PDB file of N, CA and C in Angstrom:
ATOM      1  N   MET A   1     132.420-147.098-112.378  1.00  0.00           N
ATOM      2  CA  MET A   1     131.774-146.210-113.326  1.00  0.00           C
ATOM      3  C   MET A   1     130.839-146.918-114.001  1.00  0.00           C
ATOM      4  N   ARG A   2     129.535-146.315-114.232  1.00  0.00           N
ATOM      5  CA  ARG A   2     128.373-147.119-114.903  1.00  0.00           C
ATOM      6  C   ARG A   2     128.566-146.905-116.521  1.00  0.00           C
ATOM      7  N   SER A   3     128.274-147.808-117.148  1.00  0.00           N
ATOM      8  CA  SER A   3     128.307-147.662-118.669  1.00  0.00           C
ATOM      9  C   SER A   3     126.797-146.757-119.163  1.00  0.00           C
ATOM     10  N   ALA A   4     127.099-146.093-120.331  1.00  0.00           N
ATOM     11  CA  ALA A   4     126.059-145.396-120.976  1.00  0.00           C
ATOM     12  C   ALA A   4     124.788-146.253-121.185  1.00  0.00           C
ATOM     13  N   GLY A   5     125.145-147.489-121.565  1.00  0.00           N
ATOM     14  CA  GLY A   5     123.743-148.437-121.706  1.00  0.00           C
ATOM     15  C   GLY A   5     123.006-148.440-120.410  1.00  0.00           C
ATOM     16  N   CYS A   6     123.817-148.636-119.189  1.00  0.00           N
ATOM     17  CA  CYS A   6     123.000-148.717-117.852  1.00  0.00           C
ATOM     18  C   CYS A   6     122.194-147.535-117.735  1.00  0.00           C
ATOM     19  N   ILE A   7     122.870-146.395-117.912  1.00  0.00           N
ATOM     20  CA  ILE A   7     122.006-145.246-117.690  1.00  0.00           C
ATOM     21  C   ILE A   7     120.945-145.015-118.519  1.00  0.00           C
ATOM     22  N   VAL A   8     121.015-145.183-119.934  1.00  0.00           N
ATOM     23  CA  VAL A   8     119.941-145.089-120.676  1.00  0.00           C
ATOM     24  C   VAL A   8     118.799-146.195-120.261  1.00  0.00           C
ATOM     25  N   ASN A   9     119.084-147.394-119.904  1.00  0.00           N
ATOM     26  CA  ASN A   9     118.158-148.391-119.319  1.00  0.00           C
ATOM     27  C   ASN A   9     117.529-147.941-118.177  1.00  0.00           C
ATOM     28  N   ASP A  10     118.101-147.101-117.162  1.00  0.00           N
ATOM     29  CA  ASP A  10     117.667-146.675-115.986  1.00  0.00           C
ATOM     30  C   ASP A  10     116.547-145.463-116.393  1.00  0.00           C
ATOM     31  N   ILE A  11     117.140-144.585-117.302  1.00  0.00           N
ATOM     32  CA  ILE A  11     116.042-143.648-117.961  1.00  0.00           C
ATOM     33  C   ILE A  11     114.880-144.180-118.351  1.00  0.00           C
ATOM     34  N   ILE A  12     115.034-145.197-119.128  1.00  0.00           N
ATOM     35  CA  ILE A  12     113.653-145.841-119.967  1.00  0.00           C
ATOM     36  C   ILE A  12     112.911-146.629-118.919  1.00  0.00           C
ATOM     37  N   ASP A  13     113.581-146.943-117.846  1.00  0.00           N
ATOM     38  CA  ASP A  13     112.748-147.581-116.653  1.00  0.00           C
ATOM     39  C   ASP A  13     111.845-146.445-115.827  1.00  0.00           C
ATOM     40  N   ILE A  14     112.542-145.433-115.794  1.00  0.00           N
ATOM     41  CA  ILE A  14     111.808-144.203-115.151  1.00  0.00           C
ATOM     42  C   ILE A  14     110.840-143.786-115.870  1.00  0.00           C
ATOM     43  N   ILE A  15     110.958-143.684-117.090  1.00  0.00           N
ATOM     44  CA  ILE A  15     109.558-143.393-118.136  1.00  0.00           C
ATOM     45  C   ILE A  15     108.405-144.096-117.967  1.00  0.00           C
ATOM     46  N   VAL A  16     109.043-145.473-118.086  1.00  0.00           N
ATOM     47  CA  VAL A  16     108.028-146.591-118.129  1.00  0.00           C
ATOM     48  C   VAL A  16     107.077-146.484-116.829  1.00  0.00           C
ATOM     49  N   ASP A  17     107.761-146.226-115.800  1.00  0.00           N
ATOM     50  CA  ASP A  17     107.017-146.493-114.363  1.00  0.00           C
ATOM     51  C   ASP A  17     106.047-145.206-114.349  1.00  0.00           C
ATOM     52  N   GLY A  18     106.879-144.198-114.981  1.00  0.00           N
ATOM     53  CA  GLY A  18     105.929-142.656-115.000  1.00  0.00           C
ATOM     54  C   GLY A  18     104.662-143.000-115.624  1.00  0.00           C
ATOM     55  N   LEU A  19     104.757-143.676-116.857  1.00  0.00           N
ATOM     56  CA  LEU A  19     103.651-143.870-117.704  1.00  0.00           C
ATOM     57  C   LEU A  19     102.749-144.823-117.168  1.00  0.00           C
ATOM     58  N   LYS A  20     103.183-145.824-116.543  1.00  0.00           N
ATOM     59  CA  LYS A  20     102.079-146.781-115.719  1.00  0.00           C
ATOM     60  C   LYS A  20     101.581-146.120-114.636  1.00  0.00           C
ATOM     61  N   THR A  21     102.142-145.196-113.807  1.00  0.00           N
ATOM     62  CA  THR A  21     101.563-144.633-112.845  1.00  0.00           C
ATOM     63  C   THR A  21     100.619-143.475-113.353  1.00  0.00           C
ATOM     64  N   ASN A  22     101.125-142.655-113.940  1.00  0.00           N
ATOM     65  CA  ASN A  22     100.383-141.078-114.588  1.00  0.00           C
ATOM     66  C   ASN A  22      99.877-141.210-115.872  1.00  0.00           C
ATOM     67  N   GLY A  23     100.169-142.213-116.844  1.00  0.00           N
ATOM     68  CA  GLY A  23      99.669-142.044-118.251  1.00  0.00           C
ATOM     69  C   GLY A  23     100.454-140.896-118.876  1.00  0.00           C
ATOM     70  N   TYR A  24     101.494-140.323-118.244  1.00  0.00           N
ATOM     71  CA  TYR A  24     102.022-138.980-119.023  1.00  0.00           C
ATOM     72  C   TYR A  24     103.287-138.636-118.181  1.00  0.00           C
ATOM     73  N   VAL A  25     104.568-138.382-119.063  1.00  0.00           N
ATOM     74  CA  VAL A  25     105.651-138.137-118.622  1.00  0.00           C
ATOM     75  C   VAL A  25     106.101-137.069-119.398  1.00  0.00           C
ATOM     76  N   LYS A  26     106.723-135.857-118.795  1.00  0.00           N
ATOM     77  CA  LYS A  26     107.260-134.840-119.634  1.00  0.00           C
ATOM     78  C   LYS A  26     108.717-134.518-119.296  1.00  0.00           C
ATOM     79  N   ILE A  27     109.692-134.378-120.411  1.00  0.00           N
ATOM     80  CA  ILE A  27     110.978-134.304-120.073  1.00  0.00           C
ATOM     81  C   ILE A  27     111.307-132.823-120.601  1.00  0.00           C
ATOM     82  N   HIS A  28     111.898-132.127-119.853  1.00  0.00           N
ATOM     83  CA  HIS A  28     112.079-130.663-120.142  1.00  0.00           C
ATOM     84  C   HIS A  28     112.792-130.418-121.333  1.00  0.00           C
ATOM     85  N   ASN A  29     112.717-129.976-122.351  1.00  0.00           N
ATOM     86  CA  ASN A  29     113.406-129.531-123.468  1.00  0.00           C
ATOM     87  C   ASN A  29     113.672-130.789-124.390  1.00  0.00           C
ATOM     88  N   PHE A  30     112.905-131.733-124.073  1.00  0.00           N
ATOM     89  CA  PHE A  30     112.940-133.035-125.181  1.00  0.00           C
ATOM     90  C   PHE A  30     111.545-133.364-125.635  1.00  0.00           C
ATOM     91  N   GLY A  31     110.673-133.513-124.905  1.00  0.00           N
ATOM     92  CA  GLY A  31     109.268-133.795-125.132  1.00  0.00           C
ATOM     93  C   GLY A  31     108.378-134.558-124.151  1.00  0.00           C
ATOM     94  N   SER A  32     107.082-134.986-124.616  1.00  0.00           N
ATOM     95  CA  SER A  32     106.265-135.558-123.464  1.00  0.00           C
ATOM     96  C   SER A  32     105.691-136.970-124.226  1.00  0.00           C
ATOM     97  N   PHE A  33     105.576-137.786-123.268  1.00  0.00           N
ATOM     98  CA  PHE A  33     105.021-139.125-123.696  1.00  0.00           C
ATOM     99  C   PHE A  33     103.672-139.358-123.174  1.00  0.00           C
ATOM    100  N   LYS A  34     102.681-139.768-123.911  1.00  0.00           N
ATOM    101  CA  LYS A  34     101.276-140.036-123.273  1.00  0.00           C
ATOM    102  C   LYS A  34     100.680-141.128-123.812  1.00  0.00           C
ATOM    103  N   VAL A  35     100.141-141.927-122.769  1.00  0.00           N
ATOM    104  CA  VAL A  35      99.481-143.209-123.036  1.00  0.00           C
ATOM    105  C   VAL A  35      98.027-142.840-123.380  1.00  0.00           C
ATOM    106  N   THR A  36      97.602-143.273-124.578  1.00  0.00           N
ATOM    107  CA  THR A  36      96.057-143.004-125.167  1.00  0.00           C
ATOM    108  C   THR A  36      95.464-144.524-125.378  1.00  0.00           C
ATOM    109  N   ARG A  37      94.184-144.427-125.359  1.00  0.00           N
ATOM    110  CA  ARG A  37      93.398-145.766-125.503  1.00  0.00           C
ATOM    111  C   ARG A  37      92.800-145.414-126.969  1.00  0.00           C
ATOM    112  N   LYS A  38      93.045-146.519-127.788  1.00  0.00           N
ATOM    113  CA  LYS A  38      92.418-146.545-129.283  1.00  0.00           C
ATOM    114  C   LYS A  38      91.201-147.422-128.918  1.00  0.00           C
ATOM    115  N   LYS A  39      90.125-147.015-129.915  1.00  0.00           N
ATOM    116  CA  LYS A  39      88.986-147.883-129.709  1.00  0.00           C
ATOM    117  C   LYS A  39      88.993-148.999-130.656  1.00  0.00           C
ATOM    118  N   SER A  40      88.366-150.242-130.504  1.00  0.00           N
ATOM    119  CA  SER A  40      88.333-151.181-131.393  1.00  0.00           C
ATOM    120  C   SER A  40      87.694-150.683-132.799  1.00  0.00           C
ATOM    121  N   ARG A  41      88.359-151.002-133.971  1.00  0.00           N
ATOM    122  CA  ARG A  41      87.811-150.866-135.327  1.00  0.00           C
ATOM    123  C   ARG A  41      88.170-152.177-136.192  1.00  0.00           C
ATOM    124  N   ILE A  42      87.295-151.828-137.490  1.00  0.00           N
ATOM    125  CA  ILE A  42      87.591-152.710-138.518  1.00  0.00           C
ATOM    126  C   ILE A  42      88.597-152.463-139.225  1.00  0.00           C
ATOM    127  N   GLY A  43      89.562-153.421-139.607  1.00  0.00           N
ATOM    128  CA  GLY A  43      90.715-153.089-140.555  1.00  0.00           C
ATOM    129  C   GLY A  43      90.584-154.251-141.711  1.00  0.00           C
ATOM    130  N   ARG A  44      91.536-153.946-142.504  1.00  0.00           N
ATOM    131  CA  ARG A  44      91.573-154.856-143.728  1.00  0.00           C
ATOM    132  C   ARG A  44      93.042-155.238-144.061  1.00  0.00           C
ATOM    133  N   ASN A  45      93.079-156.675-144.289  1.00  0.00           N
ATOM    134  CA  ASN A  45      94.234-157.105-144.867  1.00  0.00           C
ATOM    135  C   ASN A  45      94.640-156.752-146.278  1.00  0.00           C
ATOM    136  N   PRO A  46      95.776-155.826-146.562  1.00  0.00           N
ATOM    137  CA  PRO A  46      95.719-155.416-147.796  1.00  0.00           C
ATOM    138  C   PRO A  46      96.285-156.515-148.759  1.00  0.00           C
ATOM    139  N   LYS A  47      96.678-157.740-148.388  1.00  0.00           N
ATOM    140  CA  LYS A  47      97.064-158.732-149.347  1.00  0.00           C
ATOM    141  C   LYS A  47      95.791-159.618-149.866  1.00  0.00           C
ATOM    142  N   THR A  48      94.980-159.916-148.800  1.00  0.00           N
ATOM    143  CA  THR A  48      93.963-160.730-149.033  1.00  0.00           C
ATOM    144  C   THR A  48      92.569-160.027-148.977  1.00  0.00           C
ATOM    145  N   LEU A  49      92.567-158.745-148.782  1.00  0.00           N
ATOM    146  CA  LEU A  49      91.292-157.789-148.582  1.00  0.00           C
ATOM    147  C   LEU A  49      90.408-158.541-147.539  1.00  0.00           C
ATOM    148  N   GLU A  50      90.812-159.183-146.620  1.00  0.00           N
ATOM    149  CA  GLU A  50      89.790-160.027-145.639  1.00  0.00           C
ATOM    150  C   GLU A  50      89.872-158.921-144.552  1.00  0.00           C
ATOM    151  N   THR A  51      88.457-158.452-143.990  1.00  0.00           N
ATOM    152  CA  THR A  51      88.180-157.653-142.893  1.00  0.00           C
ATOM    153  C   THR A  51      88.615-158.258-141.688  1.00  0.00           C
ATOM    154  N   VAL A  52      89.278-157.609-140.666  1.00  0.00           N
ATOM    155  CA  VAL A  52      89.571-158.177-139.413  1.00  0.00           C
ATOM    156  C   VAL A  52      89.231-156.983-138.330  1.00  0.00           C
ATOM    157  N   MET A  53      88.801-157.561-137.106  1.00  0.00           N
ATOM    158  CA  MET A  53      88.444-156.751-136.085  1.00  0.00           C
ATOM    159  C   MET A  53      89.864-156.351-135.350  1.00  0.00           C
ATOM    160  N   ILE A  54      90.216-155.180-135.256  1.00  0.00           N
ATOM    161  CA  ILE A  54      91.467-154.693-134.621  1.00  0.00           C
ATOM    162  C   ILE A  54      90.891-154.279-133.098  1.00  0.00           C
ATOM    163  N   SER A  55      91.491-155.028-132.033  1.00  0.00           N
ATOM    164  CA  SER A  55      90.988-154.829-130.662  1.00  0.00           C
ATOM    165  C   SER A  55      91.418-153.402-130.154  1.00  0.00           C
ATOM    166  N   GLU A  56      90.647-153.149-129.151  1.00  0.00           N
ATOM    167  CA  GLU A  56      90.961-151.950-128.340  1.00  0.00           C
ATOM    168  C   GLU A  56      92.315-152.173-127.627  1.00  0.00           C
ATOM    169  N   ARG A  57      93.202-150.911-127.495  1.00  0.00           N
ATOM    170  CA  ARG A  57      94.587-151.113-127.057  1.00  0.00           C
ATOM    171  C   ARG A  57      95.016-149.686-126.541  1.00  0.00           C
ATOM    172  N   ASN A  58      96.259-149.724-125.935  1.00  0.00           N
ATOM    173  CA  ASN A  58      97.021-148.526-125.511  1.00  0.00           C
ATOM    174  C   ASN A  58      97.787-148.332-126.528  1.00  0.00           C
ATOM    175  N   VAL A  59      98.105-147.139-126.788  1.00  0.00           N
ATOM    176  CA  VAL A  59      99.154-146.611-127.596  1.00  0.00           C
ATOM    177  C   VAL A  59      99.939-145.583-126.864  1.00  0.00           C
ATOM    178  N   LEU A  60     101.208-145.320-127.277  1.00  0.00           N
ATOM    179  CA  LEU A  60     102.099-144.399-126.709  1.00  0.00           C
ATOM    180  C   LEU A  60     102.184-143.366-127.662  1.00  0.00           C
ATOM    181  N   LYS A  61     101.993-141.878-127.349  1.00  0.00           N
ATOM    182  CA  LYS A  61     102.277-141.029-128.308  1.00  0.00           C
ATOM    183  C   LYS A  61     103.168-140.085-127.859  1.00  0.00           C
ATOM    184  N   PHE A  62     104.262-139.427-128.677  1.00  0.00           N
ATOM    185  CA  PHE A  62     105.286-138.704-128.328  1.00  0.00           C
ATOM    186  C   PHE A  62     105.234-137.363-129.125  1.00  0.00           C
ATOM    187  N   LYS A  63     105.166-136.236-128.196  1.00  0.00           N
ATOM    188  CA  LYS A  63     105.285-135.050-128.714  1.00  0.00           C
ATOM    189  C   LYS A  63     106.498-134.132-128.436  1.00  0.00           C
ATOM    190  N   PRO A  64     107.291-134.124-129.439  1.00  0.00           N
ATOM    191  CA  PRO A  64     108.581-133.251-129.288  1.00  0.00           C
ATOM    192  C   PRO A  64     108.343-131.904-128.626  1.00  0.00           C
ATOM    193  N   SER A  65     109.297-131.371-127.995  1.00  0.00           N
ATOM    194  CA  SER A  65     109.355-129.894-127.422  1.00  0.00           C
ATOM    195  C   SER A  65     109.732-128.976-128.670  1.00  0.00           C
ATOM    196  N   LYS A  66     109.213-127.713-128.390  1.00  0.00           N
ATOM    197  CA  LYS A  66     109.700-126.818-129.418  1.00  0.00           C
ATOM    198  C   LYS A  66     111.136-126.523-129.640  1.00  0.00           C
ATOM    199  N   SER A  67     112.008-126.748-128.809  1.00  0.00           N
ATOM    200  CA  SER A  67     113.431-126.695-128.962  1.00  0.00           C
ATOM    201  C   SER A  67     113.990-127.752-129.702  1.00  0.00           C
ATOM    202  N   ILE A  68     113.380-129.050-129.623  1.00  0.00           N
ATOM    203  CA  ILE A  68     113.970-130.081-130.363  1.00  0.00           C
ATOM    204  C   ILE A  68     113.348-129.821-131.742  1.00  0.00           C
ATOM    205  N   LEU A  69     112.271-129.542-132.126  1.00  0.00           N
ATOM    206  CA  LEU A  69     111.928-129.327-133.355  1.00  0.00           C
ATOM    207  C   LEU A  69     112.592-128.289-134.090  1.00  0.00           C
ATOM    208  N   GLU A  70     112.791-127.171-133.243  1.00  0.00           N
ATOM    209  CA  GLU A  70     113.716-126.094-134.079  1.00  0.00           C
ATOM    210  C   GLU A  70     115.190-126.499-134.164  1.00  0.00           C
ATOM    211  N   TYR A  71     115.655-127.428-133.415  1.00  0.00           N
ATOM    212  CA  TYR A  71     116.826-127.720-133.752  1.00  0.00           C
ATOM    213  C   TYR A  71     117.041-128.866-134.967  1.00  0.00           C
ATOM    214  N   ILE A  72     116.030-129.765-134.967  1.00  0.00           N
ATOM    215  CA  ILE A  72     115.993-130.687-136.145  1.00  0.00           C
ATOM    216  C   ILE A  72     115.743-129.572-137.395  1.00  0.00           C
ATOM    217  N   ASN A  73     114.984-128.885-137.498  1.00  0.00           N
ATOM    218  CA  ASN A  73     114.547-128.058-138.646  1.00  0.00           C
ATOM    219  C   ASN A  73     115.830-127.267-138.972  1.00  0.00           C
ATOM    220  N   LYS A  74     116.545-126.934-137.947  1.00  0.00           N
ATOM    221  CA  LYS A  74     117.910-125.988-138.274  1.00  0.00           C
ATOM    222  C   LYS A  74     118.819-126.897-139.098  1.00  0.00           C
ATOM    223  N   ILE A  75     119.085-128.179-138.666  1.00  0.00           N
ATOM    224  CA  ILE A  75     119.946-129.031-139.174  1.00  0.00           C
ATOM    225  C   ILE A  75     119.320-129.326-140.573  1.00  0.00           C
ATOM    226  N   ASN A  76     118.010-129.585-141.027  1.00  0.00           N
ATOM    227  CA  ASN A  76     117.643-129.636-142.219  1.00  0.00           C
ATOM    228  C   ASN A  76     117.828-128.636-143.183  1.00  0.00           C
ATOM    229  N   ASP A  77     117.878-127.657-142.546  1.00  0.00           N
ATOM    230  CA  ASP A  77     117.929-126.162-143.428  1.00  0.00           C
ATOM    231  C   ASP A  77     119.346-125.962-144.085  1.00  0.00           C
ATOM    232  N   ASN A  78     120.395-126.738-143.345  1.00  0.00           N
ATOM    233  CA  ASN A  78     121.959-126.571-143.656  1.00  0.00           C
ATOM    234  C   ASN A  78     122.118-127.442-144.752  1.00  0.00           C
TER     235      ASN A  78
END
């Protein structure tokens, strides 16, 4: 019998492979993951106020499904 940790790792591997291949993964009744590209921009170190160039990079966005949002909001209402 496989442990829950192995199953979770397999699911994560499948999601990562889908993101590498398609840049988008949708899990029914859970949500969708999408890879987007952020442009380079100027940032500021809040401690030293020094300006720094933040390089262009890929970021991962997650959008929960309506059913997950309804469930979370129902829990918070109680």
